[in-house]
Amino acid sequence: MIKDIVVHLTGSTEDRVRLAFAGPIAELFDAHLTGLQVHTLPELIAISDPAASGYLQTLLAESHERAQKITDALTKQFAGMRVANEVRRLDVYPSSVGNTLASEAR
C-alpha cells in the first residue's frame, strides 16, 4: 500500500500538472503528500572585488525572495488538499539538485 508520495515542484506551470496527478493518487491511497519545492540557487563564483560581493548578496536575497513567494503559494495550495501534506523547500545549487531530490525521496 502506498503511504507516502513525493512530488517535485519548481514554481512553474508544470506544478499544476504534477499536482493534478499526485493529489488524486494520494487521496486514493490515503497517503501523505510531500511537495519538494526545488529552489535552484544562482551559481556563484569567487570574486575578490568587495564591491562585487555586495552584488552577489543582492542576487542571493532576490533569489530567496522569489522562492519564498513560490513557497507561500504552494503552502496555500496544499492547505486546500484533502490529504495530509507538507511542502519542503530545498535550496540547492544546480549541480546537487538530483542528489538532493533522491535523498529527500528516500
PDB file of N, CA and C in Angstrom:
ATOM      1  N   MET A   1       0.844  -1.186   0.000  1.00  0.00           N
ATOM      2  CA  MET A   1       0.000   0.000   0.000  1.00  0.00           C
ATOM      3  C   MET A   1       0.886   1.246   0.000  1.00  0.00           C
ATOM      4  N   ILE A   2       0.587   2.205  -0.825  1.00  0.00           N
ATOM      5  CA  ILE A   2       1.339   3.451  -0.900  1.00  0.00           C
ATOM      6  C   ILE A   2       0.918   4.339   0.263  1.00  0.00           C
ATOM      7  N   LYS A   3       1.896   4.796   1.051  1.00  0.00           N
ATOM      8  CA  LYS A   3       1.589   5.667   2.185  1.00  0.00           C
ATOM      9  C   LYS A   3       2.241   7.037   2.079  1.00  0.00           C
ATOM     10  N   ASP A   4       3.251   7.164   1.242  1.00  0.00           N
ATOM     11  CA  ASP A   4       3.937   8.442   1.070  1.00  0.00           C
ATOM     12  C   ASP A   4       4.165   8.712  -0.410  1.00  0.00           C
ATOM     13  N   ILE A   5       3.819   9.917  -0.822  1.00  0.00           N
ATOM     14  CA  ILE A   5       4.039  10.336  -2.202  1.00  0.00           C
ATOM     15  C   ILE A   5       4.841  11.633  -2.169  1.00  0.00           C
ATOM     16  N   VAL A   6       5.867  11.678  -2.990  1.00  0.00           N
ATOM     17  CA  VAL A   6       6.704  12.871  -3.096  1.00  0.00           C
ATOM     18  C   VAL A   6       6.563  13.410  -4.502  1.00  0.00           C
ATOM     19  N   VAL A   7       6.363  14.717  -4.608  1.00  0.00           N
ATOM     20  CA  VAL A   7       6.243  15.342  -5.919  1.00  0.00           C
ATOM     21  C   VAL A   7       7.222  16.503  -6.014  1.00  0.00           C
ATOM     22  N   HIS A   8       7.932  16.547  -7.131  1.00  0.00           N
ATOM     23  CA  HIS A   8       8.930  17.577  -7.407  1.00  0.00           C
ATOM     24  C   HIS A   8       8.218  18.837  -7.905  1.00  0.00           C
ATOM     25  N   LEU A   9       8.472  19.971  -7.250  1.00  0.00           N
ATOM     26  CA  LEU A   9       7.838  21.234  -7.618  1.00  0.00           C
ATOM     27  C   LEU A   9       8.899  22.302  -7.846  1.00  0.00           C
ATOM     28  N   THR A  10       8.623  23.188  -8.801  1.00  0.00           N
ATOM     29  CA  THR A  10       9.603  24.226  -9.131  1.00  0.00           C
ATOM     30  C   THR A  10       9.025  25.639  -9.137  1.00  0.00           C
ATOM     31  N   GLY A  11       7.716  25.740  -8.990  1.00  0.00           N
ATOM     32  CA  GLY A  11       7.091  27.064  -9.103  1.00  0.00           C
ATOM     33  C   GLY A  11       6.673  27.379 -10.527  1.00  0.00           C
ATOM     34  N   SER A  12       6.843  26.430 -11.420  1.00  0.00           N
ATOM     35  CA  SER A  12       6.465  26.637 -12.818  1.00  0.00           C
ATOM     36  C   SER A  12       5.013  26.202 -13.023  1.00  0.00           C
ATOM     37  N   THR A  13       4.510  26.426 -14.219  1.00  0.00           N
ATOM     38  CA  THR A  13       3.154  25.998 -14.541  1.00  0.00           C
ATOM     39  C   THR A  13       3.036  24.474 -14.541  1.00  0.00           C
ATOM     40  N   GLU A  14       4.160  23.778 -14.671  1.00  0.00           N
ATOM     41  CA  GLU A  14       4.157  22.316 -14.641  1.00  0.00           C
ATOM     42  C   GLU A  14       3.742  21.777 -13.266  1.00  0.00           C
ATOM     43  N   ASP A  15       3.880  22.599 -12.220  1.00  0.00           N
ATOM     44  CA  ASP A  15       3.461  22.156 -10.888  1.00  0.00           C
ATOM     45  C   ASP A  15       1.991  21.778 -10.870  1.00  0.00           C
ATOM     46  N   ARG A  16       1.171  22.521 -11.584  1.00  0.00           N
ATOM     47  CA  ARG A  16      -0.265  22.218 -11.621  1.00  0.00           C
ATOM     48  C   ARG A  16      -0.524  20.832 -12.193  1.00  0.00           C
ATOM     49  N   VAL A  17       0.220  20.508 -13.233  1.00  0.00           N
ATOM     50  CA  VAL A  17       0.069  19.196 -13.869  1.00  0.00           C
ATOM     51  C   VAL A  17       0.514  18.102 -12.897  1.00  0.00           C
ATOM     52  N   ARG A  18       1.655  18.296 -12.274  1.00  0.00           N
ATOM     53  CA  ARG A  18       2.169  17.293 -11.328  1.00  0.00           C
ATOM     54  C   ARG A  18       1.188  17.068 -10.183  1.00  0.00           C
ATOM     55  N   LEU A  19       0.663  18.177  -9.641  1.00  0.00           N
ATOM     56  CA  LEU A  19      -0.264  18.072  -8.510  1.00  0.00           C
ATOM     57  C   LEU A  19      -1.629  17.526  -8.937  1.00  0.00           C
ATOM     58  N   ALA A  20      -1.988  17.744 -10.198  1.00  0.00           N
ATOM     59  CA  ALA A  20      -3.257  17.198 -10.694  1.00  0.00           C
ATOM     60  C   ALA A  20      -3.234  15.674 -10.678  1.00  0.00           C
ATOM     61  N   PHE A  21      -2.065  15.096 -10.772  1.00  0.00           N
ATOM     62  CA  PHE A  21      -1.931  13.638 -10.693  1.00  0.00           C
ATOM     63  C   PHE A  21      -1.615  13.183  -9.268  1.00  0.00           C
ATOM     64  N   ALA A  22      -0.694  13.868  -8.612  1.00  0.00           N
ATOM     65  CA  ALA A  22      -0.249  13.442  -7.280  1.00  0.00           C
ATOM     66  C   ALA A  22      -1.357  13.554  -6.241  1.00  0.00           C
ATOM     67  N   GLY A  23      -2.154  14.622  -6.297  1.00  0.00           N
ATOM     68  CA  GLY A  23      -3.228  14.813  -5.320  1.00  0.00           C
ATOM     69  C   GLY A  23      -4.246  13.680  -5.322  1.00  0.00           C
ATOM     70  N   PRO A  24      -4.830  13.363  -6.467  1.00  0.00           N
ATOM     71  CA  PRO A  24      -5.799  12.252  -6.503  1.00  0.00           C
ATOM     72  C   PRO A  24      -5.200  10.891  -6.140  1.00  0.00           C
ATOM     73  N   ILE A  25      -3.942  10.670  -6.508  1.00  0.00           N
ATOM     74  CA  ILE A  25      -3.311   9.403  -6.136  1.00  0.00           C
ATOM     75  C   ILE A  25      -3.161   9.336  -4.616  1.00  0.00           C
ATOM     76  N   ALA A  26      -2.753  10.450  -4.003  1.00  0.00           N
ATOM     77  CA  ALA A  26      -2.628  10.491  -2.539  1.00  0.00           C
ATOM     78  C   ALA A  26      -3.984  10.243  -1.881  1.00  0.00           C
ATOM     79  N   GLU A  27      -5.042  10.837  -2.443  1.00  0.00           N
ATOM     80  CA  GLU A  27      -6.386  10.620  -1.899  1.00  0.00           C
ATOM     81  C   GLU A  27      -6.798   9.156  -2.035  1.00  0.00           C
ATOM     82  N   LEU A  28      -6.550   8.575  -3.195  1.00  0.00           N
ATOM     83  CA  LEU A  28      -6.935   7.194  -3.453  1.00  0.00           C
ATOM     84  C   LEU A  28      -6.324   6.235  -2.437  1.00  0.00           C
ATOM     85  N   PHE A  29      -5.061   6.464  -2.091  1.00  0.00           N
ATOM     86  CA  PHE A  29      -4.361   5.571  -1.177  1.00  0.00           C
ATOM     87  C   PHE A  29      -4.312   6.107   0.252  1.00  0.00           C
ATOM     88  N   ASP A  30      -4.996   7.237   0.500  1.00  0.00           N
ATOM     89  CA  ASP A  30      -4.952   7.883   1.812  1.00  0.00           C
ATOM     90  C   ASP A  30      -3.495   8.063   2.246  1.00  0.00           C
ATOM     91  N   ALA A  31      -2.694   8.570   1.321  1.00  0.00           N
ATOM     92  CA  ALA A  31      -1.256   8.719   1.532  1.00  0.00           C
ATOM     93  C   ALA A  31      -0.905  10.153   1.912  1.00  0.00           C
ATOM     94  N   HIS A  32       0.246  10.305   2.508  1.00  0.00           N
ATOM     95  CA  HIS A  32       0.799  11.620   2.834  1.00  0.00           C
ATOM     96  C   HIS A  32       1.491  12.160   1.583  1.00  0.00           C
ATOM     97  N   LEU A  33       1.223  13.410   1.246  1.00  0.00           N
ATOM     98  CA  LEU A  33       1.804  14.030   0.050  1.00  0.00           C
ATOM     99  C   LEU A  33       2.834  15.071   0.469  1.00  0.00           C
ATOM    100  N   THR A  34       4.052  14.904  -0.008  1.00  0.00           N
ATOM    101  CA  THR A  34       5.119  15.862   0.263  1.00  0.00           C
ATOM    102  C   THR A  34       5.498  16.557  -1.034  1.00  0.00           C
ATOM    103  N   GLY A  35       5.406  17.869  -1.039  1.00  0.00           N
ATOM    104  CA  GLY A  35       5.847  18.662  -2.179  1.00  0.00           C
ATOM    105  C   GLY A  35       7.264  19.141  -1.928  1.00  0.00           C
ATOM    106  N   LEU A  36       8.182  18.746  -2.790  1.00  0.00           N
ATOM    107  CA  LEU A  36       9.567  19.190  -2.678  1.00  0.00           C
ATOM    108  C   LEU A  36       9.786  20.334  -3.649  1.00  0.00           C
ATOM    109  N   GLN A  37       9.776  21.534  -3.117  1.00  0.00           N
ATOM    110  CA  GLN A  37       9.997  22.721  -3.946  1.00  0.00           C
ATOM    111  C   GLN A  37      11.506  22.907  -4.106  1.00  0.00           C
ATOM    112  N   VAL A  38      11.958  22.797  -5.311  1.00  0.00           N
ATOM    113  CA  VAL A  38      13.381  22.952  -5.589  1.00  0.00           C
ATOM    114  C   VAL A  38      13.663  24.408  -5.955  1.00  0.00           C
ATOM    115  N   HIS A  39      14.393  25.062  -5.077  1.00  0.00           N
ATOM    116  CA  HIS A  39      14.844  26.431  -5.337  1.00  0.00           C
ATOM    117  C   HIS A  39      16.309  26.336  -5.733  1.00  0.00           C
ATOM    118  N   THR A  40      16.556  26.487  -7.017  1.00  0.00           N
ATOM    119  CA  THR A  40      17.919  26.391  -7.524  1.00  0.00           C
ATOM    120  C   THR A  40      18.628  27.719  -7.268  1.00  0.00           C
ATOM    121  N   LEU A  41      19.659  27.657  -6.448  1.00  0.00           N
ATOM    122  CA  LEU A  41      20.426  28.851  -6.115  1.00  0.00           C
ATOM    123  C   LEU A  41      21.284  29.274  -7.299  1.00  0.00           C
ATOM    124  N   PRO A  42      21.511  30.576  -7.414  1.00  0.00           N
ATOM    125  CA  PRO A  42      22.382  31.021  -8.508  1.00  0.00           C
ATOM    126  C   PRO A  42      23.812  30.523  -8.287  1.00  0.00           C
ATOM    127  N   GLU A  43      24.446  30.101  -9.360  1.00  0.00           N
ATOM    128  CA  GLU A  43      25.845  29.688  -9.279  1.00  0.00           C
ATOM    129  C   GLU A  43      26.693  30.933  -9.013  1.00  0.00           C
ATOM    130  N   LEU A  44      27.516  30.844  -8.007  1.00  0.00           N
ATOM    131  CA  LEU A  44      28.363  31.980  -7.647  1.00  0.00           C
ATOM    132  C   LEU A  44      29.813  31.600  -7.875  1.00  0.00           C
ATOM    133  N   ILE A  45      30.569  32.598  -8.283  1.00  0.00           N
ATOM    134  CA  ILE A  45      31.997  32.376  -8.452  1.00  0.00           C
ATOM    135  C   ILE A  45      32.732  33.256  -7.443  1.00  0.00           C
ATOM    136  N   ALA A  46      33.927  32.883  -7.131  1.00  0.00           N
ATOM    137  CA  ALA A  46      34.726  33.667  -6.182  1.00  0.00           C
ATOM    138  C   ALA A  46      35.102  34.990  -6.826  1.00  0.00           C
ATOM    139  N   ILE A  47      34.788  36.067  -6.143  1.00  0.00           N
ATOM    140  CA  ILE A  47      35.116  37.403  -6.640  1.00  0.00           C
ATOM    141  C   ILE A  47      35.908  38.103  -5.554  1.00  0.00           C
ATOM    142  N   SER A  48      37.049  38.638  -5.918  1.00  0.00           N
ATOM    143  CA  SER A  48      37.906  39.287  -4.929  1.00  0.00           C
ATOM    144  C   SER A  48      37.565  40.765  -4.754  1.00  0.00           C
ATOM    145  N   ASP A  49      36.787  41.338  -5.658  1.00  0.00           N
ATOM    146  CA  ASP A  49      36.401  42.748  -5.569  1.00  0.00           C
ATOM    147  C   ASP A  49      35.271  42.894  -4.543  1.00  0.00           C
ATOM    148  N   PRO A  50      35.485  43.629  -3.441  1.00  0.00           N
ATOM    149  CA  PRO A  50      34.451  43.777  -2.414  1.00  0.00           C
ATOM    150  C   PRO A  50      33.150  44.385  -2.941  1.00  0.00           C
ATOM    151  N   ALA A  51      33.223  45.241  -3.939  1.00  0.00           N
ATOM    152  CA  ALA A  51      32.003  45.846  -4.497  1.00  0.00           C
ATOM    153  C   ALA A  51      31.137  44.778  -5.153  1.00  0.00           C
ATOM    154  N   ALA A  52      31.770  43.822  -5.778  1.00  0.00           N
ATOM    155  CA  ALA A  52      31.017  42.753  -6.436  1.00  0.00           C
ATOM    156  C   ALA A  52      30.368  41.820  -5.423  1.00  0.00           C
ATOM    157  N   SER A  53      30.967  41.667  -4.255  1.00  0.00           N
ATOM    158  CA  SER A  53      30.369  40.777  -3.253  1.00  0.00           C
ATOM    159  C   SER A  53      29.025  41.332  -2.783  1.00  0.00           C
ATOM    160  N   GLY A  54      28.873  42.647  -2.784  1.00  0.00           N
ATOM    161  CA  GLY A  54      27.581  43.251  -2.454  1.00  0.00           C
ATOM    162  C   GLY A  54      26.533  42.865  -3.476  1.00  0.00           C
ATOM    163  N   TYR A  55      26.924  42.837  -4.732  1.00  0.00           N
ATOM    164  CA  TYR A  55      26.001  42.433  -5.791  1.00  0.00           C
ATOM    165  C   TYR A  55      25.581  40.977  -5.604  1.00  0.00           C
ATOM    166  N   LEU A  56      26.538  40.123  -5.239  1.00  0.00           N
ATOM    167  CA  LEU A  56      26.220  38.711  -5.032  1.00  0.00           C
ATOM    168  C   LEU A  56      25.220  38.547  -3.891  1.00  0.00           C
ATOM    169  N   GLN A  57      25.369  39.318  -2.836  1.00  0.00           N
ATOM    170  CA  GLN A  57      24.424  39.258  -1.724  1.00  0.00           C
ATOM    171  C   GLN A  57      23.031  39.688  -2.185  1.00  0.00           C
ATOM    172  N   THR A  58      22.981  40.715  -3.022  1.00  0.00           N
ATOM    173  CA  THR A  58      21.703  41.168  -3.570  1.00  0.00           C
ATOM    174  C   THR A  58      21.082  40.084  -4.448  1.00  0.00           C
ATOM    175  N   LEU A  59      21.888  39.460  -5.261  1.00  0.00           N
ATOM    176  CA  LEU A  59      21.420  38.383  -6.138  1.00  0.00           C
ATOM    177  C   LEU A  59      20.826  37.232  -5.319  1.00  0.00           C
ATOM    178  N   LEU A  60      21.517  36.843  -4.263  1.00  0.00           N
ATOM    179  CA  LEU A  60      21.010  35.768  -3.402  1.00  0.00           C
ATOM    180  C   LEU A  60      19.721  36.181  -2.691  1.00  0.00           C
ATOM    181  N   ALA A  61      19.676  37.405  -2.196  1.00  0.00           N
ATOM    182  CA  ALA A  61      18.477  37.882  -1.497  1.00  0.00           C
ATOM    183  C   ALA A  61      17.271  37.892  -2.438  1.00  0.00           C
ATOM    184  N   GLU A  62      17.453  38.348  -3.672  1.00  0.00           N
ATOM    185  CA  GLU A  62      16.356  38.358  -4.647  1.00  0.00           C
ATOM    186  C   GLU A  62      15.902  36.939  -4.975  1.00  0.00           C
ATOM    187  N   SER A  63      16.851  36.030  -5.081  1.00  0.00           N
ATOM    188  CA  SER A  63      16.524  34.635  -5.369  1.00  0.00           C
ATOM    189  C   SER A  63      15.691  34.038  -4.227  1.00  0.00           C
ATOM    190  N   HIS A  64      16.080  34.309  -3.002  1.00  0.00           N
ATOM    191  CA  HIS A  64      15.342  33.792  -1.843  1.00  0.00           C
ATOM    192  C   HIS A  64      13.946  34.421  -1.749  1.00  0.00           C
ATOM    193  N   GLU A  65      13.829  35.690  -2.098  1.00  0.00           N
ATOM    194  CA  GLU A  65      12.509  36.343  -2.081  1.00  0.00           C
ATOM    195  C   GLU A  65      11.567  35.700  -3.095  1.00  0.00           C
ATOM    196  N   ARG A  66      12.068  35.452  -4.312  1.00  0.00           N
ATOM    197  CA  ARG A  66      11.243  34.781  -5.331  1.00  0.00           C
ATOM    198  C   ARG A  66      10.841  33.393  -4.860  1.00  0.00           C
ATOM    199  N   ALA A  67      11.783  32.677  -4.276  1.00  0.00           N
ATOM    200  CA  ALA A  67      11.492  31.322  -3.802  1.00  0.00           C
ATOM    201  C   ALA A  67      10.465  31.358  -2.673  1.00  0.00           C
ATOM    202  N   GLN A  68      10.540  32.351  -1.793  1.00  0.00           N
ATOM    203  CA  GLN A  68       9.591  32.427  -0.685  1.00  0.00           C
ATOM    204  C   GLN A  68       8.174  32.683  -1.194  1.00  0.00           C
ATOM    205  N   LYS A  69       8.038  33.492  -2.231  1.00  0.00           N
ATOM    206  CA  LYS A  69       6.713  33.720  -2.828  1.00  0.00           C
ATOM    207  C   LYS A  69       6.130  32.414  -3.367  1.00  0.00           C
ATOM    208  N   ILE A  70       6.982  31.622  -3.992  1.00  0.00           N
ATOM    209  CA  ILE A  70       6.535  30.327  -4.515  1.00  0.00           C
ATOM    210  C   ILE A  70       6.162  29.409  -3.354  1.00  0.00           C
ATOM    211  N   THR A  71       6.986  29.388  -2.316  1.00  0.00           N
ATOM    212  CA  THR A  71       6.692  28.569  -1.141  1.00  0.00           C
ATOM    213  C   THR A  71       5.347  28.948  -0.544  1.00  0.00           C
ATOM    214  N   ASP A  72       5.104  30.244  -0.403  1.00  0.00           N
ATOM    215  CA  ASP A  72       3.832  30.716   0.166  1.00  0.00           C
ATOM    216  C   ASP A  72       2.646  30.272  -0.685  1.00  0.00           C
ATOM    217  N   ALA A  73       2.782  30.392  -2.011  1.00  0.00           N
ATOM    218  CA  ALA A  73       1.695  29.987  -2.913  1.00  0.00           C
ATOM    219  C   ALA A  73       1.463  28.481  -2.836  1.00  0.00           C
ATOM    220  N   LEU A  74       2.526  27.701  -2.801  1.00  0.00           N
ATOM    221  CA  LEU A  74       2.384  26.242  -2.716  1.00  0.00           C
ATOM    222  C   LEU A  74       1.770  25.836  -1.378  1.00  0.00           C
ATOM    223  N   THR A  75       2.186  26.483  -0.313  1.00  0.00           N
ATOM    224  CA  THR A  75       1.645  26.173   1.014  1.00  0.00           C
ATOM    225  C   THR A  75       0.147  26.442   1.049  1.00  0.00           C
ATOM    226  N   LYS A  76      -0.260  27.540   0.434  1.00  0.00           N
ATOM    227  CA  LYS A  76      -1.691  27.868   0.374  1.00  0.00           C
ATOM    228  C   LYS A  76      -2.443  26.815  -0.449  1.00  0.00           C
ATOM    229  N   GLN A  77      -1.863  26.415  -1.568  1.00  0.00           N
ATOM    230  CA  GLN A  77      -2.487  25.412  -2.418  1.00  0.00           C
ATOM    231  C   GLN A  77      -2.592  24.073  -1.680  1.00  0.00           C
ATOM    232  N   PHE A  78      -1.551  23.682  -0.981  1.00  0.00           N
ATOM    233  CA  PHE A  78      -1.555  22.415  -0.256  1.00  0.00           C
ATOM    234  C   PHE A  78      -2.549  22.441   0.897  1.00  0.00           C
ATOM    235  N   ALA A  79      -2.782  23.600   1.479  1.00  0.00           N
ATOM    236  CA  ALA A  79      -3.733  23.707   2.590  1.00  0.00           C
ATOM    237  C   ALA A  79      -5.143  23.310   2.159  1.00  0.00           C
ATOM    238  N   GLY A  80      -5.451  23.461   0.874  1.00  0.00           N
ATOM    239  CA  GLY A  80      -6.768  23.112   0.363  1.00  0.00           C
ATOM    240  C   GLY A  80      -6.921  21.647  -0.020  1.00  0.00           C
ATOM    241  N   MET A  81      -5.870  20.879   0.119  1.00  0.00           N
ATOM    242  CA  MET A  81      -5.938  19.467  -0.261  1.00  0.00           C
ATOM    243  C   MET A  81      -6.603  18.654   0.844  1.00  0.00           C
ATOM    244  N   ARG A  82      -7.171  17.532   0.436  1.00  0.00           N
ATOM    245  CA  ARG A  82      -7.906  16.678   1.377  1.00  0.00           C
ATOM    246  C   ARG A  82      -7.066  15.528   1.915  1.00  0.00           C
ATOM    247  N   VAL A  83      -5.753  15.646   1.832  1.00  0.00           N
ATOM    248  CA  VAL A  83      -4.851  14.620   2.361  1.00  0.00           C
ATOM    249  C   VAL A  83      -3.808  15.288   3.251  1.00  0.00           C
ATOM    250  N   ALA A  84      -3.226  14.513   4.140  1.00  0.00           N
ATOM    251  CA  ALA A  84      -2.116  15.018   4.941  1.00  0.00           C
ATOM    252  C   ALA A  84      -0.990  15.401   3.985  1.00  0.00           C
ATOM    253  N   ASN A  85      -0.376  16.544   4.239  1.00  0.00           N
ATOM    254  CA  ASN A  85       0.645  17.002   3.297  1.00  0.00           C
ATOM    255  C   ASN A  85       1.619  17.957   3.962  1.00  0.00           C
ATOM    256  N   GLU A  86       2.654  18.239   3.225  1.00  0.00           N
ATOM    257  CA  GLU A  86       3.632  19.252   3.626  1.00  0.00           C
ATOM    258  C   GLU A  86       4.376  19.735   2.386  1.00  0.00           C
ATOM    259  N   VAL A  87       4.916  20.940   2.499  1.00  0.00           N
ATOM    260  CA  VAL A  87       5.761  21.500   1.448  1.00  0.00           C
ATOM    261  C   VAL A  87       7.136  21.719   2.071  1.00  0.00           C
ATOM    262  N   ARG A  88       8.150  21.193   1.413  1.00  0.00           N
ATOM    263  CA  ARG A  88       9.530  21.414   1.850  1.00  0.00           C
ATOM    264  C   ARG A  88      10.261  22.157   0.745  1.00  0.00           C
ATOM    265  N   ARG A  89      10.975  23.197   1.128  1.00  0.00           N
ATOM    266  CA  ARG A  89      11.777  23.937   0.151  1.00  0.00           C
ATOM    267  C   ARG A  89      13.215  23.485   0.263  1.00  0.00           C
ATOM    268  N   LEU A  90      13.776  23.133  -0.868  1.00  0.00           N
ATOM    269  CA  LEU A  90      15.170  22.714  -0.941  1.00  0.00           C
ATOM    270  C   LEU A  90      15.969  23.809  -1.645  1.00  0.00           C
ATOM    271  N   ASP A  91      16.858  24.455  -0.933  1.00  0.00           N
ATOM    272  CA  ASP A  91      17.733  25.473  -1.505  1.00  0.00           C
ATOM    273  C   ASP A  91      19.029  24.784  -1.917  1.00  0.00           C
ATOM    274  N   VAL A  92      19.192  24.558  -3.214  1.00  0.00           N
ATOM    275  CA  VAL A  92      20.333  23.776  -3.689  1.00  0.00           C
ATOM    276  C   VAL A  92      20.960  24.416  -4.925  1.00  0.00           C
ATOM    277  N   TYR A  93      22.243  24.132  -5.080  1.00  0.00           N
ATOM    278  CA  TYR A  93      22.932  24.574  -6.295  1.00  0.00           C
ATOM    279  C   TYR A  93      22.610  23.598  -7.424  1.00  0.00           C
ATOM    280  N   PRO A  94      22.643  24.071  -8.657  1.00  0.00           N
ATOM    281  CA  PRO A  94      22.247  23.220  -9.790  1.00  0.00           C
ATOM    282  C   PRO A  94      22.949  21.865  -9.829  1.00  0.00           C
ATOM    283  N   SER A  95      24.208  21.823  -9.450  1.00  0.00           N
ATOM    284  CA  SER A  95      24.954  20.568  -9.544  1.00  0.00           C
ATOM    285  C   SER A  95      24.493  19.513  -8.532  1.00  0.00           C
ATOM    286  N   SER A  96      23.741  19.913  -7.515  1.00  0.00           N
ATOM    287  CA  SER A  96      23.340  18.944  -6.497  1.00  0.00           C
ATOM    288  C   SER A  96      21.828  18.700  -6.443  1.00  0.00           C
ATOM    289  N   VAL A  97      21.087  19.200  -7.422  1.00  0.00           N
ATOM    290  CA  VAL A  97      19.640  19.019  -7.422  1.00  0.00           C
ATOM    291  C   VAL A  97      19.248  17.545  -7.420  1.00  0.00           C
ATOM    292  N   GLY A  98      19.809  16.769  -8.311  1.00  0.00           N
ATOM    293  CA  GLY A  98      19.454  15.357  -8.432  1.00  0.00           C
ATOM    294  C   GLY A  98      19.736  14.572  -7.159  1.00  0.00           C
ATOM    295  N   ASN A  99      20.904  14.731  -6.612  1.00  0.00           N
ATOM    296  CA  ASN A  99      21.255  14.005  -5.385  1.00  0.00           C
ATOM    297  C   ASN A  99      20.380  14.424  -4.208  1.00  0.00           C
ATOM    298  N   THR A 100      20.082  15.711  -4.115  1.00  0.00           N
ATOM    299  CA  THR A 100      19.257  16.206  -3.018  1.00  0.00           C
ATOM    300  C   THR A 100      17.828  15.669  -3.135  1.00  0.00           C
ATOM    301  N   LEU A 101      17.271  15.700  -4.341  1.00  0.00           N
ATOM    302  CA  LEU A 101      15.927  15.150  -4.543  1.00  0.00           C
ATOM    303  C   LEU A 101      15.877  13.660  -4.213  1.00  0.00           C
ATOM    304  N   ALA A 102      16.869  12.923  -4.666  1.00  0.00           N
ATOM    305  CA  ALA A 102      16.898  11.484  -4.398  1.00  0.00           C
ATOM    306  C   ALA A 102      16.992  11.220  -2.900  1.00  0.00           C
ATOM    307  N   SER A 103      17.819  11.984  -2.214  1.00  0.00           N
ATOM    308  CA  SER A 103      17.976  11.810  -0.775  1.00  0.00           C
ATOM    309  C   SER A 103      16.677  12.104  -0.028  1.00  0.00           C
ATOM    310  N   GLU A 104      15.981  13.159  -0.416  1.00  0.00           N
ATOM    311  CA  GLU A 104      14.718  13.510   0.220  1.00  0.00           C
ATOM    312  C   GLU A 104      13.636  12.476  -0.061  1.00  0.00           C
ATOM    313  N   ALA A 105      13.633  11.943  -1.264  1.00  0.00           N
ATOM    314  CA  ALA A 105      12.617  10.954  -1.644  1.00  0.00           C
ATOM    315  C   ALA A 105      12.815   9.652  -0.870  1.00  0.00           C
ATOM    316  N   ARG A 106      14.052   9.330  -0.554  1.00  0.00           N
ATOM    317  CA  ARG A 106      14.305   8.110   0.228  1.00  0.00           C
ATOM    318  C   ARG A 106      13.795   8.301   1.614  1.00  0.00           C
TER     319      ARG A 106
END
